[in-house]
């Protein structure tokens, strides 16, 4: 009886813990380099926007046709 309760408790604890995804060292390094690459590109875009260095857009902010 005690053994079955212990087994049941361990099964419930195992089910609640869930599964975790394990990455290899190479996958972790690729993920981190991808994150650093994306964040550095975003930083450059933010600095260009703050310093007004980005190119002008050819898109009109308002509609150019009257819609008659």
PDB file of N, CA and C in Angstrom:
ATOM      1  N   UNK A   1       0.825  -1.187   0.000  1.00  0.00           N
ATOM      2  CA  UNK A   1       0.000   0.000   0.000  1.00  0.00           C
ATOM      3  C   UNK A   1       0.873   1.255   0.000  1.00  0.00           C
ATOM      4  N   UNK A   2       1.888   1.265   0.850  1.00  0.00           N
ATOM      5  CA  UNK A   2       2.768   2.430   0.945  1.00  0.00           C
ATOM      6  C   UNK A   2       3.567   2.595  -0.342  1.00  0.00           C
ATOM      7  N   UNK A   3       4.011   1.462  -0.906  1.00  0.00           N
ATOM      8  CA  UNK A   3       4.767   1.528  -2.144  1.00  0.00           C
ATOM      9  C   UNK A   3       3.914   2.071  -3.283  1.00  0.00           C
ATOM     10  N   UNK A   4       2.667   1.664  -3.351  1.00  0.00           N
ATOM     11  CA  UNK A   4       1.792   2.143  -4.420  1.00  0.00           C
ATOM     12  C   UNK A   4       1.507   3.635  -4.258  1.00  0.00           C
ATOM     13  N   UNK A   5       1.411   4.125  -3.034  1.00  0.00           N
ATOM     14  CA  UNK A   5       1.211   5.562  -2.798  1.00  0.00           C
ATOM     15  C   UNK A   5       2.457   6.361  -3.199  1.00  0.00           C
ATOM     16  N   UNK A   6       3.614   5.819  -2.906  1.00  0.00           N
ATOM     17  CA  UNK A   6       4.855   6.491  -3.279  1.00  0.00           C
ATOM     18  C   UNK A   6       4.996   6.531  -4.793  1.00  0.00           C
ATOM     19  N   UNK A   7       4.683   5.419  -5.443  1.00  0.00           N
ATOM     20  CA  UNK A   7       4.756   5.374  -6.908  1.00  0.00           C
ATOM     21  C   UNK A   7       3.754   6.344  -7.524  1.00  0.00           C
ATOM     22  N   UNK A   8       2.551   6.389  -6.977  1.00  0.00           N
ATOM     23  CA  UNK A   8       1.536   7.309  -7.487  1.00  0.00           C
ATOM     24  C   UNK A   8       1.980   8.761  -7.287  1.00  0.00           C
ATOM     25  N   UNK A   9       2.566   9.070  -6.132  1.00  0.00           N
ATOM     26  CA  UNK A   9       3.035  10.434  -5.860  1.00  0.00           C
ATOM     27  C   UNK A   9       4.162  10.812  -6.816  1.00  0.00           C
ATOM     28  N   UNK A  10       5.070   9.888  -7.082  1.00  0.00           N
ATOM     29  CA  UNK A  10       6.154  10.154  -8.019  1.00  0.00           C
ATOM     30  C   UNK A  10       5.625  10.330  -9.440  1.00  0.00           C
ATOM     31  N   UNK A  11       4.612   9.556  -9.803  1.00  0.00           N
ATOM     32  CA  UNK A  11       4.026   9.684 -11.138  1.00  0.00           C
ATOM     33  C   UNK A  11       3.353  11.042 -11.302  1.00  0.00           C
ATOM     34  N   UNK A  12       2.635  11.479 -10.268  1.00  0.00           N
ATOM     35  CA  UNK A  12       1.979  12.795 -10.323  1.00  0.00           C
ATOM     36  C   UNK A  12       3.026  13.899 -10.374  1.00  0.00           C
ATOM     37  N   UNK A  13       4.072  13.793  -9.584  1.00  0.00           N
ATOM     38  CA  UNK A  13       5.138  14.797  -9.596  1.00  0.00           C
ATOM     39  C   UNK A  13       5.829  14.832 -10.953  1.00  0.00           C
ATOM     40  N   UNK A  14       6.041  13.679 -11.546  1.00  0.00           N
ATOM     41  CA  UNK A  14       6.657  13.623 -12.871  1.00  0.00           C
ATOM     42  C   UNK A  14       5.758  14.222 -13.938  1.00  0.00           C
ATOM     43  N   UNK A  15       4.461  13.980 -13.828  1.00  0.00           N
ATOM     44  CA  UNK A  15       3.517  14.530 -14.803  1.00  0.00           C
ATOM     45  C   UNK A  15       3.422  16.040 -14.667  1.00  0.00           C
ATOM     46  N   UNK A  16       3.479  16.563 -13.462  1.00  0.00           N
ATOM     47  CA  UNK A  16       3.397  18.006 -13.249  1.00  0.00           C
ATOM     48  C   UNK A  16       4.681  18.720 -13.665  1.00  0.00           C
ATOM     49  N   UNK A  17       5.796  18.016 -13.584  1.00  0.00           N
ATOM     50  CA  UNK A  17       7.073  18.630 -13.951  1.00  0.00           C
ATOM     51  C   UNK A  17       7.144  18.858 -15.451  1.00  0.00           C
ATOM     52  N   UNK A  18       6.552  17.984 -16.237  1.00  0.00           N
ATOM     53  CA  UNK A  18       6.534  18.138 -17.683  1.00  0.00           C
ATOM     54  C   UNK A  18       7.876  17.797 -18.306  1.00  0.00           C
ATOM     55  N   UNK A  19       7.920  17.969 -19.597  1.00  0.00           N
ATOM     56  CA  UNK A  19       9.139  17.684 -20.334  1.00  0.00           C
ATOM     57  C   UNK A  19       9.833  18.993 -20.683  1.00  0.00           C
ATOM     58  N   UNK A  20      11.109  18.975 -20.683  1.00  0.00           N
ATOM     59  CA  UNK A  20      11.863  20.167 -21.075  1.00  0.00           C
ATOM     60  C   UNK A  20      12.613  19.866 -22.359  1.00  0.00           C
ATOM     61  N   UNK A  21      12.759  20.881 -23.187  1.00  0.00           N
ATOM     62  CA  UNK A  21      13.485  20.717 -24.439  1.00  0.00           C
ATOM     63  C   UNK A  21      14.968  20.949 -24.165  1.00  0.00           C
ATOM     64  N   UNK A  22      15.760  20.032 -24.572  1.00  0.00           N
ATOM     65  CA  UNK A  22      17.194  20.122 -24.336  1.00  0.00           C
ATOM     66  C   UNK A  22      17.879  20.471 -25.648  1.00  0.00           C
ATOM     67  N   UNK A  23      18.738  21.496 -25.622  1.00  0.00           N
ATOM     68  CA  UNK A  23      19.477  21.846 -26.823  1.00  0.00           C
ATOM     69  C   UNK A  23      20.939  21.460 -26.662  1.00  0.00           C
ATOM     70  N   UNK A  24      21.530  21.184 -27.783  1.00  0.00           N
ATOM     71  CA  UNK A  24      22.950  20.872 -27.764  1.00  0.00           C
ATOM     72  C   UNK A  24      23.740  22.177 -27.666  1.00  0.00           C
ATOM     73  N   UNK A  25      25.028  22.052 -27.439  1.00  0.00           N
ATOM     74  CA  UNK A  25      25.882  23.230 -27.336  1.00  0.00           C
ATOM     75  C   UNK A  25      25.878  24.018 -28.643  1.00  0.00           C
ATOM     76  N   UNK A  26      25.902  23.306 -29.762  1.00  0.00           N
ATOM     77  CA  UNK A  26      25.905  23.964 -31.064  1.00  0.00           C
ATOM     78  C   UNK A  26      24.584  24.700 -31.312  1.00  0.00           C
ATOM     79  N   UNK A  27      23.456  24.095 -30.947  1.00  0.00           N
ATOM     80  CA  UNK A  27      22.162  24.750 -31.125  1.00  0.00           C
ATOM     81  C   UNK A  27      22.057  25.997 -30.245  1.00  0.00           C
ATOM     82  N   UNK A  28      22.578  25.901 -29.029  1.00  0.00           N
ATOM     83  CA  UNK A  28      22.549  27.052 -28.125  1.00  0.00           C
ATOM     84  C   UNK A  28      23.382  28.198 -28.688  1.00  0.00           C
ATOM     85  N   UNK A  29      24.575  27.888 -29.196  1.00  0.00           N
ATOM     86  CA  UNK A  29      25.429  28.924 -29.776  1.00  0.00           C
ATOM     87  C   UNK A  29      24.790  29.551 -31.002  1.00  0.00           C
ATOM     88  N   UNK A  30      24.125  28.741 -31.838  1.00  0.00           N
ATOM     89  CA  UNK A  30      23.442  29.286 -33.011  1.00  0.00           C
ATOM     90  C   UNK A  30      22.295  30.204 -32.600  1.00  0.00           C
ATOM     91  N   UNK A  31      21.540  29.788 -31.583  1.00  0.00           N
ATOM     92  CA  UNK A  31      20.425  30.612 -31.107  1.00  0.00           C
ATOM     93  C   UNK A  31      20.931  31.939 -30.543  1.00  0.00           C
ATOM     94  N   UNK A  32      21.988  31.883 -29.756  1.00  0.00           N
ATOM     95  CA  UNK A  32      22.523  33.108 -29.167  1.00  0.00           C
ATOM     96  C   UNK A  32      23.105  34.041 -30.232  1.00  0.00           C
ATOM     97  N   UNK A  33      23.786  33.485 -31.230  1.00  0.00           N
ATOM     98  CA  UNK A  33      24.327  34.339 -32.286  1.00  0.00           C
ATOM     99  C   UNK A  33      23.210  34.956 -33.116  1.00  0.00           C
ATOM    100  N   UNK A  34      22.126  34.207 -33.328  1.00  0.00           N
ATOM    101  CA  UNK A  34      20.976  34.750 -34.056  1.00  0.00           C
ATOM    102  C   UNK A  34      20.332  35.892 -33.272  1.00  0.00           C
ATOM    103  N   UNK A  35      20.203  35.731 -31.957  1.00  0.00           N
ATOM    104  CA  UNK A  35      19.619  36.777 -31.114  1.00  0.00           C
ATOM    105  C   UNK A  35      20.495  38.024 -31.117  1.00  0.00           C
ATOM    106  N   UNK A  36      21.806  37.850 -31.005  1.00  0.00           N
ATOM    107  CA  UNK A  36      22.725  38.996 -31.019  1.00  0.00           C
ATOM    108  C   UNK A  36      22.665  39.712 -32.364  1.00  0.00           C
ATOM    109  N   UNK A  37      22.575  38.959 -33.456  1.00  0.00           N
ATOM    110  CA  UNK A  37      22.494  39.549 -34.787  1.00  0.00           C
ATOM    111  C   UNK A  37      21.222  40.379 -34.932  1.00  0.00           C
ATOM    112  N   UNK A  38      20.093  39.832 -34.519  1.00  0.00           N
ATOM    113  CA  UNK A  38      18.819  40.550 -34.642  1.00  0.00           C
ATOM    114  C   UNK A  38      18.823  41.798 -33.766  1.00  0.00           C
ATOM    115  N   UNK A  39      19.310  41.678 -32.529  1.00  0.00           N
ATOM    116  CA  UNK A  39      19.313  42.828 -31.633  1.00  0.00           C
ATOM    117  C   UNK A  39      20.256  43.928 -32.109  1.00  0.00           C
ATOM    118  N   UNK A  40      21.384  43.564 -32.701  1.00  0.00           N
ATOM    119  CA  UNK A  40      22.306  44.589 -33.189  1.00  0.00           C
ATOM    120  C   UNK A  40      21.710  45.317 -34.389  1.00  0.00           C
ATOM    121  N   UNK A  41      21.005  44.588 -35.275  1.00  0.00           N
ATOM    122  CA  UNK A  41      20.353  45.256 -36.402  1.00  0.00           C
ATOM    123  C   UNK A  41      19.242  46.182 -35.917  1.00  0.00           C
ATOM    124  N   UNK A  42      18.502  45.765 -34.892  1.00  0.00           N
ATOM    125  CA  UNK A  42      17.450  46.614 -34.343  1.00  0.00           C
ATOM    126  C   UNK A  42      18.044  47.872 -33.705  1.00  0.00           C
ATOM    127  N   UNK A  43      19.203  47.730 -33.043  1.00  0.00           N
ATOM    128  CA  UNK A  43      19.845  48.876 -32.415  1.00  0.00           C
ATOM    129  C   UNK A  43      20.271  49.899 -33.468  1.00  0.00           C
ATOM    130  N   UNK A  44      20.822  49.422 -34.593  1.00  0.00           N
ATOM    131  CA  UNK A  44      21.237  50.325 -35.666  1.00  0.00           C
ATOM    132  C   UNK A  44      20.028  51.046 -36.239  1.00  0.00           C
ATOM    133  N   UNK A  45      18.923  50.345 -36.431  1.00  0.00           N
ATOM    134  CA  UNK A  45      17.722  50.975 -36.951  1.00  0.00           C
ATOM    135  C   UNK A  45      17.180  52.013 -35.976  1.00  0.00           C
ATOM    136  N   UNK A  46      17.217  51.722 -34.686  1.00  0.00           N
ATOM    137  CA  UNK A  46      16.750  52.682 -33.685  1.00  0.00           C
ATOM    138  C   UNK A  46      17.624  53.934 -33.671  1.00  0.00           C
ATOM    139  N   UNK A  47      18.947  53.743 -33.749  1.00  0.00           N
ATOM    140  CA  UNK A  47      19.844  54.906 -33.765  1.00  0.00           C
ATOM    141  C   UNK A  47      19.635  55.745 -35.022  1.00  0.00           C
ATOM    142  N   UNK A  48      19.430  55.110 -36.162  1.00  0.00           N
ATOM    143  CA  UNK A  48      19.164  55.847 -37.387  1.00  0.00           C
ATOM    144  C   UNK A  48      17.875  56.649 -37.273  1.00  0.00           C
ATOM    145  N   UNK A  49      16.867  56.081 -36.653  1.00  0.00           N
ATOM    146  CA  UNK A  49      15.605  56.793 -36.492  1.00  0.00           C
ATOM    147  C   UNK A  49      15.756  57.957 -35.526  1.00  0.00           C
ATOM    148  N   UNK A  50      16.514  57.772 -34.447  1.00  0.00           N
ATOM    149  CA  UNK A  50      16.709  58.845 -33.461  1.00  0.00           C
ATOM    150  C   UNK A  50      17.516  59.989 -34.063  1.00  0.00           C
ATOM    151  N   UNK A  51      18.566  59.653 -34.805  1.00  0.00           N
ATOM    152  CA  UNK A  51      19.436  60.682 -35.388  1.00  0.00           C
ATOM    153  C   UNK A  51      18.942  61.168 -36.751  1.00  0.00           C
ATOM    154  N   UNK A  52      17.764  60.697 -37.169  1.00  0.00           N
ATOM    155  CA  UNK A  52      17.153  61.077 -38.442  1.00  0.00           C
ATOM    156  C   UNK A  52      18.075  60.771 -39.621  1.00  0.00           C
ATOM    157  N   UNK A  53      18.732  59.630 -39.594  1.00  0.00           N
ATOM    158  CA  UNK A  53      19.637  59.225 -40.661  1.00  0.00           C
ATOM    159  C   UNK A  53      19.002  58.238 -41.630  1.00  0.00           C
ATOM    160  N   UNK A  54      17.781  57.786 -41.312  1.00  0.00           N
ATOM    161  CA  UNK A  54      17.164  56.810 -42.194  1.00  0.00           C
ATOM    162  C   UNK A  54      16.625  57.490 -43.455  1.00  0.00           C
ATOM    163  N   UNK A  55      16.534  56.726 -44.517  1.00  0.00           N
ATOM    164  CA  UNK A  55      16.078  57.272 -45.790  1.00  0.00           C
ATOM    165  C   UNK A  55      14.615  57.665 -45.707  1.00  0.00           C
ATOM    166  N   UNK A  56      14.253  58.629 -46.559  1.00  0.00           N
ATOM    167  CA  UNK A  56      12.859  59.039 -46.611  1.00  0.00           C
ATOM    168  C   UNK A  56      12.037  57.945 -47.265  1.00  0.00           C
ATOM    169  N   UNK A  57      10.819  57.835 -46.829  1.00  0.00           N
ATOM    170  CA  UNK A  57       9.918  56.860 -47.408  1.00  0.00           C
ATOM    171  C   UNK A  57       9.225  57.476 -48.613  1.00  0.00           C
ATOM    172  N   UNK A  58       8.990  56.678 -49.626  1.00  0.00           N
ATOM    173  CA  UNK A  58       8.260  57.148 -50.799  1.00  0.00           C
ATOM    174  C   UNK A  58       6.754  57.015 -50.611  1.00  0.00           C
ATOM    175  N   UNK A  59       6.343  56.528 -49.478  1.00  0.00           N
ATOM    176  CA  UNK A  59       4.926  56.361 -49.205  1.00  0.00           C
ATOM    177  C   UNK A  59       4.343  57.661 -48.667  1.00  0.00           C
ATOM    178  N   UNK A  60       3.174  58.036 -49.157  1.00  0.00           N
ATOM    179  CA  UNK A  60       2.507  59.245 -48.688  1.00  0.00           C
ATOM    180  C   UNK A  60       1.863  58.977 -47.347  1.00  0.00           C
ATOM    181  N   UNK A  61       1.951  59.948 -46.465  1.00  0.00           N
ATOM    182  CA  UNK A  61       1.325  59.793 -45.160  1.00  0.00           C
ATOM    183  C   UNK A  61      -0.191  59.973 -45.282  1.00  0.00           C
ATOM    184  N   UNK A  62      -0.641  60.786 -46.246  1.00  0.00           N
ATOM    185  CA  UNK A  62      -2.063  61.034 -46.461  1.00  0.00           C
ATOM    186  C   UNK A  62      -2.453  60.529 -47.836  1.00  0.00           C
ATOM    187  N   UNK A  63      -3.729  60.345 -48.034  1.00  0.00           N
ATOM    188  CA  UNK A  63      -4.221  59.948 -49.352  1.00  0.00           C
ATOM    189  C   UNK A  63      -4.057  61.106 -50.319  1.00  0.00           C
ATOM    190  N   UNK A  64      -3.596  60.821 -51.533  1.00  0.00           N
ATOM    191  CA  UNK A  64      -3.350  61.892 -52.490  1.00  0.00           C
ATOM    192  C   UNK A  64      -4.512  62.094 -53.440  1.00  0.00           C
ATOM    193  N   UNK A  65      -5.460  61.189 -53.477  1.00  0.00           N
ATOM    194  CA  UNK A  65      -6.614  61.320 -54.355  1.00  0.00           C
ATOM    195  C   UNK A  65      -7.810  61.778 -53.548  1.00  0.00           C
ATOM    196  N   UNK A  66      -8.603  62.617 -54.176  1.00  0.00           N
ATOM    197  CA  UNK A  66      -9.775  63.162 -53.475  1.00  0.00           C
ATOM    198  C   UNK A  66     -10.914  62.180 -53.337  1.00  0.00           C
ATOM    199  N   UNK A  67     -10.933  61.147 -54.145  1.00  0.00           N
ATOM    200  CA  UNK A  67     -11.989  60.167 -54.057  1.00  0.00           C
ATOM    201  C   UNK A  67     -13.310  60.652 -54.627  1.00  0.00           C
ATOM    202  N   UNK A  68     -13.259  61.485 -55.654  1.00  0.00           N
ATOM    203  CA  UNK A  68     -14.486  62.016 -56.240  1.00  0.00           C
ATOM    204  C   UNK A  68     -15.272  60.914 -56.868  1.00  0.00           C
TER     205      UNK A  68
END
